[in-house]
N, C-alpha and C. Protein backbone atom coordinates (compact mmCIF):
# COMPACT_ATOMS: atom_id res chain seq x y z
N MET A 1 66.95 115.86 103.72
CA MET A 1 68.03 116.24 102.83
C MET A 1 67.50 117.44 102.21
N ALA A 2 68.58 118.46 101.78
CA ALA A 2 68.10 119.57 101.17
C ALA A 2 67.97 119.44 99.48
N THR A 3 67.29 120.39 98.97
CA THR A 3 67.08 120.33 97.60
C THR A 3 67.66 121.39 96.71
N ARG A 4 68.29 122.27 97.74
CA ARG A 4 68.81 123.47 97.01
C ARG A 4 70.33 123.57 97.69
N SER A 5 71.43 124.01 97.13
CA SER A 5 72.74 124.10 97.57
C SER A 5 73.00 125.59 97.69
N SER A 6 73.79 126.07 98.89
CA SER A 6 73.94 127.41 99.02
C SER A 6 74.79 127.86 98.05
N SER A 7 75.73 127.14 97.40
CA SER A 7 76.62 127.26 96.34
C SER A 7 76.05 127.42 94.83
N GLY A 8 74.75 127.32 94.97
CA GLY A 8 74.31 127.09 93.49
C GLY A 8 74.32 125.86 92.84
N ALA A 9 75.22 124.75 93.24
CA ALA A 9 75.30 124.08 92.25
C ALA A 9 74.14 123.00 92.23
N ASN A 10 74.00 122.55 90.92
CA ASN A 10 72.69 121.60 90.67
C ASN A 10 72.86 120.33 91.33
N LYS A 11 71.81 119.55 91.32
CA LYS A 11 71.92 118.29 92.10
C LYS A 11 72.94 117.27 91.59
N SER A 12 73.11 117.25 90.30
CA SER A 12 74.35 116.24 89.79
C SER A 12 75.71 116.73 90.27
N GLU A 13 75.88 118.02 90.62
CA GLU A 13 77.08 118.44 91.11
C GLU A 13 77.41 118.02 92.53
N ARG A 14 76.41 118.00 93.27
CA ARG A 14 76.41 118.04 95.02
C ARG A 14 76.93 116.77 95.61
N TYR A 15 76.44 115.56 94.93
CA TYR A 15 76.78 114.15 95.61
C TYR A 15 77.96 113.71 94.69
N GLY A 16 78.86 114.33 94.07
CA GLY A 16 80.10 113.86 93.50
C GLY A 16 79.91 113.09 92.20
N SER A 17 79.44 113.70 91.09
CA SER A 17 79.18 112.86 89.82
C SER A 17 80.61 113.10 89.20
N LYS A 18 81.55 113.74 89.73
CA LYS A 18 82.70 113.89 88.82
C LYS A 18 83.70 112.63 89.48
N LYS A 19 84.67 112.24 88.67
CA LYS A 19 85.58 111.18 88.99
C LYS A 19 86.50 111.84 90.03
N ALA A 20 86.89 111.12 90.95
CA ALA A 20 88.11 111.56 92.04
C ALA A 20 89.48 111.13 91.21
N GLY A 21 90.22 111.90 91.08
CA GLY A 21 91.57 111.66 90.68
C GLY A 21 92.37 110.85 91.76
N SER A 22 93.72 110.41 91.22
CA SER A 22 94.31 109.54 92.17
C SER A 22 95.06 110.44 93.33
N GLY A 23 95.53 111.59 92.90
CA GLY A 23 96.10 112.37 93.87
C GLY A 23 97.53 111.95 94.22
N ALA A 24 98.16 110.75 93.79
CA ALA A 24 99.46 110.35 94.53
C ALA A 24 100.33 110.07 93.06
N ARG A 25 101.48 110.21 93.32
CA ARG A 25 102.51 109.80 92.24
C ARG A 25 102.62 108.27 92.34
N LYS A 26 103.01 107.69 91.14
CA LYS A 26 103.13 106.34 91.01
C LYS A 26 104.18 105.62 92.02
N GLY A 27 103.75 104.68 92.73
CA GLY A 27 104.75 104.09 93.89
C GLY A 27 104.70 104.83 95.19
N ARG A 28 103.92 105.66 95.19
CA ARG A 28 103.98 106.28 96.51
C ARG A 28 102.85 105.98 97.36
N THR A 29 102.81 105.83 98.51
CA THR A 29 101.65 105.27 99.37
C THR A 29 101.00 106.48 100.00
N LEU A 30 99.45 106.53 99.82
CA LEU A 30 98.74 107.62 100.19
C LEU A 30 98.71 107.81 101.65
N THR A 31 98.97 109.12 102.37
CA THR A 31 98.68 109.36 103.57
C THR A 31 97.28 109.16 103.92
N LEU A 32 96.95 109.23 105.27
CA LEU A 32 95.60 109.14 105.74
C LEU A 32 94.74 110.16 105.15
N SER A 33 95.43 111.43 105.29
CA SER A 33 94.69 112.60 104.83
C SER A 33 94.37 112.42 103.29
N GLU A 34 95.00 111.95 102.49
CA GLU A 34 95.14 111.87 100.97
C GLU A 34 93.95 110.68 100.70
N LYS A 35 94.10 109.88 101.41
CA LYS A 35 92.90 108.56 101.27
C LYS A 35 91.62 109.02 101.66
N LEU A 36 91.52 109.87 102.70
CA LEU A 36 90.23 110.16 103.02
C LEU A 36 89.64 111.37 102.03
N GLU A 37 90.51 112.49 101.83
CA GLU A 37 90.10 113.31 100.85
C GLU A 37 89.94 112.84 99.54
N LYS A 38 90.47 111.93 99.22
CA LYS A 38 90.24 111.31 97.63
C LYS A 38 88.91 110.62 97.98
N ALA A 39 88.55 109.80 98.79
CA ALA A 39 87.43 109.00 99.09
C ALA A 39 86.19 110.04 98.95
N ALA A 40 86.39 111.39 99.64
CA ALA A 40 85.22 112.23 99.72
C ALA A 40 85.23 113.47 98.94
N LYS A 41 86.04 113.14 97.83
CA LYS A 41 86.08 114.38 96.72
C LYS A 41 84.82 114.17 96.12
N ASP A 42 84.37 115.64 96.30
CA ASP A 42 82.94 115.95 95.32
C ASP A 42 81.73 115.21 95.95
N LEU A 43 81.81 114.89 97.33
CA LEU A 43 80.57 114.47 97.89
C LEU A 43 80.35 115.61 99.02
N TYR A 44 79.12 115.73 99.41
CA TYR A 44 78.68 116.85 100.28
C TYR A 44 77.63 116.17 101.20
N TYR A 45 77.75 117.01 102.48
CA TYR A 45 76.50 116.83 103.35
C TYR A 45 75.85 117.79 103.17
N SER A 46 74.31 117.21 102.88
CA SER A 46 73.23 117.92 102.64
C SER A 46 72.41 118.31 103.90
N SER A 47 72.00 119.45 104.22
CA SER A 47 71.19 119.72 105.16
C SER A 47 70.50 121.17 104.53
N GLU A 48 70.17 122.19 105.22
CA GLU A 48 69.71 123.23 104.70
C GLU A 48 70.57 123.98 103.68
N ALA A 49 71.66 123.62 103.65
CA ALA A 49 73.10 123.96 102.50
C ALA A 49 73.86 122.79 102.56
N ASP A 50 74.69 122.72 101.37
CA ASP A 50 75.36 121.64 101.20
C ASP A 50 76.91 122.00 101.22
N TYR A 51 77.57 121.12 102.41
CA TYR A 51 79.17 121.51 102.38
C TYR A 51 79.82 120.31 102.19
N PRO A 52 81.03 120.47 101.79
CA PRO A 52 82.01 119.34 101.53
C PRO A 52 82.69 118.90 102.61
N PHE A 53 83.33 117.53 102.63
CA PHE A 53 83.89 117.04 103.75
C PHE A 53 85.67 117.52 103.60
N LYS A 54 85.89 117.90 104.81
CA LYS A 54 87.40 118.11 104.68
C LYS A 54 88.35 117.22 105.99
N PHE A 55 89.38 116.96 105.60
CA PHE A 55 90.26 115.96 106.44
C PHE A 55 90.54 116.85 107.88
N PHE A 56 90.36 116.22 108.95
CA PHE A 56 91.06 117.00 110.15
C PHE A 56 91.93 116.08 111.00
N THR A 57 92.40 116.51 111.87
CA THR A 57 93.28 115.62 112.78
C THR A 57 93.66 116.36 114.10
N LEU A 58 93.54 115.70 115.32
CA LEU A 58 93.77 116.56 116.48
C LEU A 58 94.65 115.53 117.43
N PRO A 59 95.49 115.99 118.22
CA PRO A 59 96.20 115.30 119.36
C PRO A 59 95.44 114.57 120.21
N ALA A 60 95.90 113.27 120.49
CA ALA A 60 94.72 112.74 121.56
C ALA A 60 95.76 111.94 122.53
N GLU A 61 95.31 111.72 123.88
CA GLU A 61 96.05 111.02 124.78
C GLU A 61 95.40 109.62 124.96
N GLY A 62 94.53 109.67 124.45
CA GLY A 62 93.59 108.19 124.64
C GLY A 62 92.19 108.15 124.36
N ASP A 63 91.54 107.18 124.53
CA ASP A 63 90.08 106.81 124.08
C ASP A 63 89.28 107.85 124.56
N ASP A 64 89.49 108.18 125.90
CA ASP A 64 88.70 109.46 126.56
C ASP A 64 88.64 110.68 125.73
N ASP A 65 89.40 110.90 124.67
CA ASP A 65 89.45 112.18 124.24
C ASP A 65 88.42 111.92 122.99
N LEU A 66 87.91 110.89 122.74
CA LEU A 66 86.74 110.65 121.85
C LEU A 66 85.25 110.70 122.41
N THR A 67 85.22 111.22 123.81
CA THR A 67 84.06 111.40 124.37
C THR A 67 83.47 112.80 124.04
N PRO A 68 82.25 113.29 124.19
CA PRO A 68 81.99 114.54 123.96
C PRO A 68 82.94 115.49 124.61
N GLN A 69 83.17 115.37 125.95
CA GLN A 69 83.68 116.29 126.86
C GLN A 69 85.05 116.44 126.11
N GLY A 70 85.73 115.28 126.26
CA GLY A 70 87.21 115.09 125.86
C GLY A 70 87.51 115.58 124.53
N PHE A 71 86.41 115.58 123.48
CA PHE A 71 86.47 116.24 122.20
C PHE A 71 86.63 117.72 122.12
N LEU A 72 85.66 118.18 122.87
CA LEU A 72 85.75 119.75 123.23
C LEU A 72 86.82 120.44 123.70
N ILE A 73 87.42 119.44 124.75
CA ILE A 73 88.76 120.11 125.42
C ILE A 73 89.92 119.93 124.13
N ARG A 74 89.91 118.97 123.33
CA ARG A 74 90.88 118.84 122.28
C ARG A 74 90.42 119.75 121.13
N LEU A 75 89.45 120.45 121.10
CA LEU A 75 89.24 121.41 120.09
C LEU A 75 89.58 122.55 120.64
N GLY A 76 89.77 122.59 122.00
CA GLY A 76 90.49 124.00 122.35
C GLY A 76 89.57 124.71 123.57
N LEU A 77 88.39 124.03 123.62
CA LEU A 77 87.51 124.60 124.91
C LEU A 77 87.98 124.12 126.07
N SER A 78 88.45 124.79 126.95
CA SER A 78 89.01 124.53 128.28
C SER A 78 87.72 124.07 129.11
N GLN A 79 87.99 123.20 130.39
CA GLN A 79 87.11 122.76 131.00
C GLN A 79 86.65 123.85 131.79
N GLN A 80 87.26 124.86 132.01
CA GLN A 80 86.74 126.14 132.78
C GLN A 80 85.71 126.72 131.88
N LEU A 81 85.98 127.16 130.54
CA LEU A 81 85.26 127.73 129.88
C LEU A 81 83.77 126.93 129.66
N ILE A 82 83.82 125.45 129.48
CA ILE A 82 82.73 124.57 129.33
C ILE A 82 81.99 124.82 130.72
N ASP A 83 82.59 124.87 131.90
CA ASP A 83 81.71 125.05 133.27
C ASP A 83 81.31 126.58 133.06
N GLU A 84 82.00 127.63 132.55
CA GLU A 84 81.34 128.79 132.88
C GLU A 84 80.41 129.09 131.73
N LEU A 85 80.37 128.21 130.67
CA LEU A 85 78.95 128.63 129.66
C LEU A 85 77.79 128.01 130.44
N ASN A 86 77.84 127.29 131.62
CA ASN A 86 76.72 126.86 132.37
C ASN A 86 75.70 126.22 131.52
N LEU A 87 76.01 125.64 130.17
CA LEU A 87 75.07 124.85 129.72
C LEU A 87 75.39 123.55 129.57
N PRO A 88 74.44 122.68 129.64
CA PRO A 88 74.42 121.17 129.70
C PRO A 88 75.27 120.87 128.42
N LEU A 89 76.12 119.69 128.70
CA LEU A 89 77.26 119.44 127.61
C LEU A 89 76.51 118.93 126.47
N ASP A 90 75.29 118.40 126.60
CA ASP A 90 74.49 117.83 125.25
C ASP A 90 74.04 119.17 124.47
N ARG A 91 73.71 120.34 125.05
CA ARG A 91 73.62 121.50 124.23
C ARG A 91 74.65 121.98 123.50
N VAL A 92 75.96 121.62 123.76
CA VAL A 92 77.31 122.14 123.13
C VAL A 92 77.50 120.95 122.10
N VAL A 93 77.48 119.69 122.51
CA VAL A 93 78.28 118.76 121.60
C VAL A 93 77.22 117.50 121.87
N GLU A 94 76.83 116.86 120.63
CA GLU A 94 75.95 115.79 120.85
C GLU A 94 76.69 114.43 119.68
N GLU A 95 76.80 113.53 120.30
CA GLU A 95 77.49 112.06 119.87
C GLU A 95 76.32 111.46 119.19
N ARG A 96 76.55 110.97 117.78
CA ARG A 96 75.71 110.23 117.08
C ARG A 96 76.40 109.07 116.60
N PRO A 97 75.80 107.86 116.15
CA PRO A 97 76.51 106.68 115.47
C PRO A 97 76.92 106.94 114.22
N PHE A 98 78.07 106.22 113.87
CA PHE A 98 78.59 106.44 112.42
C PHE A 98 77.83 106.15 111.58
N ASP A 99 77.07 104.79 111.87
CA ASP A 99 76.36 103.98 110.99
C ASP A 99 75.36 104.81 110.29
N ASP A 100 74.72 105.81 111.16
CA ASP A 100 73.37 106.62 110.27
C ASP A 100 73.91 108.01 109.89
N PHE A 101 75.14 108.01 109.59
CA PHE A 101 75.42 109.64 109.00
C PHE A 101 75.32 109.73 107.74
N PHE A 102 75.92 108.94 106.94
CA PHE A 102 75.98 109.32 105.49
C PHE A 102 74.58 108.36 104.51
N PRO A 103 74.35 109.36 103.69
CA PRO A 103 72.97 109.01 103.01
C PRO A 103 73.02 107.58 102.60
N SER A 104 71.69 107.05 102.54
CA SER A 104 71.60 105.64 101.99
C SER A 104 71.07 105.74 100.59
N ALA A 105 70.98 104.88 99.89
CA ALA A 105 70.45 104.94 98.35
C ALA A 105 69.15 105.43 98.52
N GLU A 106 68.24 104.93 99.31
CA GLU A 106 66.87 105.53 99.43
C GLU A 106 67.01 107.04 99.61
N ASP A 107 67.61 107.59 100.56
CA ASP A 107 67.63 109.01 101.05
C ASP A 107 68.28 109.72 99.64
N LEU A 108 69.34 109.21 98.86
CA LEU A 108 69.67 109.87 97.58
C LEU A 108 68.53 109.77 96.64
N ALA A 109 67.84 108.77 96.60
CA ALA A 109 66.72 108.56 95.52
C ALA A 109 65.66 109.64 95.93
N THR A 110 65.20 109.82 97.10
CA THR A 110 64.29 110.77 97.37
C THR A 110 64.81 112.06 97.26
N TYR A 111 66.05 112.44 97.27
CA TYR A 111 66.45 113.58 97.02
C TYR A 111 66.47 114.15 95.69
N TYR A 112 66.88 113.04 94.84
CA TYR A 112 66.83 113.24 93.56
C TYR A 112 65.59 113.03 92.71
N GLY A 113 64.47 112.59 93.46
CA GLY A 113 63.06 112.33 93.03
C GLY A 113 63.20 111.22 91.91
N SER A 114 63.91 110.11 92.32
CA SER A 114 63.99 109.13 91.53
C SER A 114 63.81 107.82 92.44
N ASP A 115 64.34 106.62 91.88
CA ASP A 115 64.32 105.41 92.55
C ASP A 115 65.66 104.89 92.96
N THR A 116 66.10 103.95 93.57
CA THR A 116 67.47 103.38 93.91
C THR A 116 67.93 102.67 92.52
N SER A 117 67.23 102.28 91.41
CA SER A 117 67.69 101.84 90.46
C SER A 117 68.17 102.89 89.32
N ASP A 118 67.93 104.10 89.46
CA ASP A 118 68.62 105.33 88.73
C ASP A 118 69.98 105.12 88.78
N PRO A 119 70.62 105.10 87.72
CA PRO A 119 72.38 104.87 87.89
C PRO A 119 72.96 105.83 88.53
N LYS A 120 72.29 107.03 88.22
CA LYS A 120 73.11 108.36 89.38
C LYS A 120 73.10 107.86 90.74
N VAL A 121 72.02 107.52 91.31
CA VAL A 121 71.78 107.36 92.60
C VAL A 121 72.51 106.18 92.99
N ALA A 122 72.37 105.04 92.31
CA ALA A 122 73.45 103.86 92.44
C ALA A 122 74.96 104.11 92.62
N ALA A 123 75.22 105.16 91.65
CA ALA A 123 76.83 105.27 91.65
C ALA A 123 77.16 106.14 92.77
N GLU A 124 76.52 107.20 93.07
CA GLU A 124 76.74 107.97 94.26
C GLU A 124 76.68 107.06 95.58
N SER A 125 75.57 106.33 95.68
CA SER A 125 75.42 105.56 97.00
C SER A 125 76.59 104.72 97.00
N LYS A 126 77.26 104.00 95.91
CA LYS A 126 78.34 103.53 95.84
C LYS A 126 79.65 104.19 96.56
N ARG A 127 79.58 105.61 95.87
CA ARG A 127 80.87 106.38 96.58
C ARG A 127 80.78 106.60 98.22
N TYR A 128 79.50 106.79 98.57
CA TYR A 128 79.25 106.87 100.20
C TYR A 128 79.78 105.77 100.61
N ARG A 129 79.37 104.37 100.19
CA ARG A 129 79.45 103.20 100.90
C ARG A 129 80.97 103.08 100.87
N GLU A 130 81.88 103.44 99.80
CA GLU A 130 83.23 103.38 99.79
C GLU A 130 83.86 104.34 100.55
N LEU A 131 83.42 105.21 101.00
CA LEU A 131 83.92 106.42 101.75
C LEU A 131 83.68 105.67 103.19
N GLU A 132 82.65 105.14 103.57
CA GLU A 132 82.28 104.63 105.11
C GLU A 132 83.38 103.50 105.21
N ALA A 133 83.67 102.64 104.00
CA ALA A 133 84.52 101.40 104.20
C ALA A 133 86.04 102.05 104.34
N THR A 134 86.54 103.35 103.71
CA THR A 134 87.75 103.73 104.09
C THR A 134 87.99 104.08 105.52
N LEU A 135 86.84 104.92 105.73
CA LEU A 135 86.83 105.46 107.33
C LEU A 135 86.96 104.18 108.36
N ARG A 136 86.33 103.07 108.08
CA ARG A 136 86.33 101.94 109.02
C ARG A 136 87.59 101.28 108.83
N LYS A 137 88.16 101.41 107.86
CA LYS A 137 89.60 100.52 107.56
C LYS A 137 90.82 101.36 108.08
N ARG A 138 90.74 102.63 108.21
CA ARG A 138 91.88 103.30 108.79
C ARG A 138 91.65 103.97 109.99
N LEU A 139 90.32 103.95 110.61
CA LEU A 139 90.12 104.55 112.08
C LEU A 139 89.36 103.48 112.79
N ARG A 140 89.52 103.56 113.90
CA ARG A 140 88.78 102.86 115.22
C ARG A 140 87.88 103.68 116.13
N GLY A 141 86.90 102.91 116.69
CA GLY A 141 86.13 103.96 117.52
C GLY A 141 85.31 105.09 116.56
N LEU A 142 84.82 105.02 115.49
CA LEU A 142 84.26 106.01 114.74
C LEU A 142 83.05 106.36 115.48
N LYS A 143 82.94 107.54 115.37
CA LYS A 143 81.43 107.89 115.81
C LYS A 143 81.43 109.63 115.31
N VAL A 144 80.23 110.09 115.35
CA VAL A 144 80.05 111.59 114.72
C VAL A 144 79.88 112.36 116.01
N LEU A 145 80.59 113.39 115.95
CA LEU A 145 80.24 114.44 117.02
C LEU A 145 80.01 115.66 116.64
N ARG A 146 78.85 116.24 116.74
CA ARG A 146 78.24 117.46 116.30
C ARG A 146 78.36 118.39 117.33
N VAL A 147 78.89 119.69 117.08
CA VAL A 147 79.17 120.76 117.65
C VAL A 147 78.64 122.09 117.33
N GLY A 148 77.88 122.54 118.15
CA GLY A 148 77.32 123.83 117.89
C GLY A 148 75.83 123.61 117.89
N GLN A 149 75.00 124.88 117.32
CA GLN A 149 73.47 124.83 117.16
C GLN A 149 73.51 125.79 116.06
N VAL A 150 72.56 125.45 115.21
CA VAL A 150 72.17 126.20 113.90
C VAL A 150 73.23 125.74 112.95
N GLU A 151 74.35 126.36 112.92
CA GLU A 151 75.50 126.03 112.07
C GLU A 151 76.35 124.88 112.88
N ILE A 152 76.14 123.83 112.50
CA ILE A 152 76.67 122.65 113.49
C ILE A 152 77.72 122.22 112.98
N ARG A 153 78.97 122.00 113.25
CA ARG A 153 80.22 121.33 112.76
C ARG A 153 80.17 119.77 113.24
N CYS A 154 80.15 119.16 112.13
CA CYS A 154 79.85 117.51 112.15
C CYS A 154 81.33 116.96 111.80
N TYR A 155 81.92 116.33 112.90
CA TYR A 155 83.24 115.73 112.94
C TYR A 155 83.12 114.22 112.85
N VAL A 156 83.19 113.55 111.94
CA VAL A 156 83.07 111.96 111.58
C VAL A 156 84.53 111.72 112.17
N ALA A 157 84.63 111.13 113.40
CA ALA A 157 86.11 111.12 114.08
C ALA A 157 86.28 109.64 114.63
N GLY A 158 87.43 109.36 114.59
CA GLY A 158 87.95 108.08 115.15
C GLY A 158 89.50 108.27 115.36
N LEU A 159 90.09 107.12 115.99
CA LEU A 159 91.40 107.09 116.38
C LEU A 159 92.33 106.54 115.20
N ASP A 160 93.16 107.12 114.60
CA ASP A 160 94.18 106.54 113.59
C ASP A 160 95.02 105.59 114.42
N LYS A 161 95.98 104.96 113.55
CA LYS A 161 97.09 104.09 114.13
C LYS A 161 98.08 104.71 115.14
N ARG A 162 98.17 105.90 115.09
CA ARG A 162 99.10 106.72 116.09
C ARG A 162 98.45 107.16 117.21
N GLY A 163 97.09 106.85 117.29
CA GLY A 163 96.34 107.18 118.36
C GLY A 163 95.80 108.51 118.56
N TYR A 164 95.95 109.32 117.26
CA TYR A 164 95.54 110.64 117.02
C TYR A 164 94.00 110.69 116.64
N ILE A 165 93.34 111.62 117.15
CA ILE A 165 91.80 111.84 116.49
C ILE A 165 91.95 112.15 115.07
N ALA A 166 91.43 111.64 114.36
CA ALA A 166 91.15 112.10 112.77
C ALA A 166 89.86 111.46 112.13
N GLY A 167 89.43 112.27 111.02
CA GLY A 167 88.62 112.00 110.28
C GLY A 167 88.31 113.04 109.43
N LEU A 168 86.96 113.20 109.09
CA LEU A 168 86.36 114.33 108.19
C LEU A 168 85.40 114.96 108.93
N VAL A 169 85.29 116.27 108.48
CA VAL A 169 84.56 117.33 109.32
C VAL A 169 83.42 118.22 108.12
N THR A 170 82.28 118.42 108.37
CA THR A 170 81.52 118.92 107.44
C THR A 170 80.93 120.07 108.34
N THR A 171 79.88 120.66 107.55
CA THR A 171 78.77 121.52 108.34
C THR A 171 77.56 121.27 108.07
N ALA A 172 76.39 121.15 108.96
CA ALA A 172 75.10 121.14 109.00
C ALA A 172 74.57 122.56 109.34
N ILE A 173 73.54 122.83 108.39
CA ILE A 173 72.75 124.11 108.87
C ILE A 173 71.49 123.41 109.44
N GLU A 174 70.98 123.90 110.63
CA GLU A 174 69.61 123.42 110.87
C GLU A 174 68.91 124.62 111.78
N THR A 175 67.96 125.21 111.08
CA THR A 175 67.40 126.61 111.69
C THR A 175 65.99 125.87 112.44
């Protein structure tokens, strides 16, 4: 985990110490994008720089679109281009388990130089667990697909109730 943000934000700003607003009028059901954006508000993915999470959705024709190759095609990379790059697929896209993506309470404690009993660590860990629960409730087949090298787009992706690929995307910097 990084100890400095490219945005210059201090540690207390990076992991979402601000309260998320409701974002919905009374009586109206939140859309999937609103639910996920609300759950991810003011949370950041920390690597060599810190980046927010943003909602994304892509059309899908089935579960095969959540494979690394299918996902690249849904992003707009044609099979022909993938073949012409002559790079092994695992150098372009990497699949990782969803369960290991968000920071644990121990990760946050290490990041802040404190321990898991620190109220700030406990509150932020709770927010990440709530985000995970929202993703699990709203999407099936969750996984993380990392696309690129050095500046890596990290897609926390699953299939929504309509069968579309949806989730959150952020960036990791790894030099």
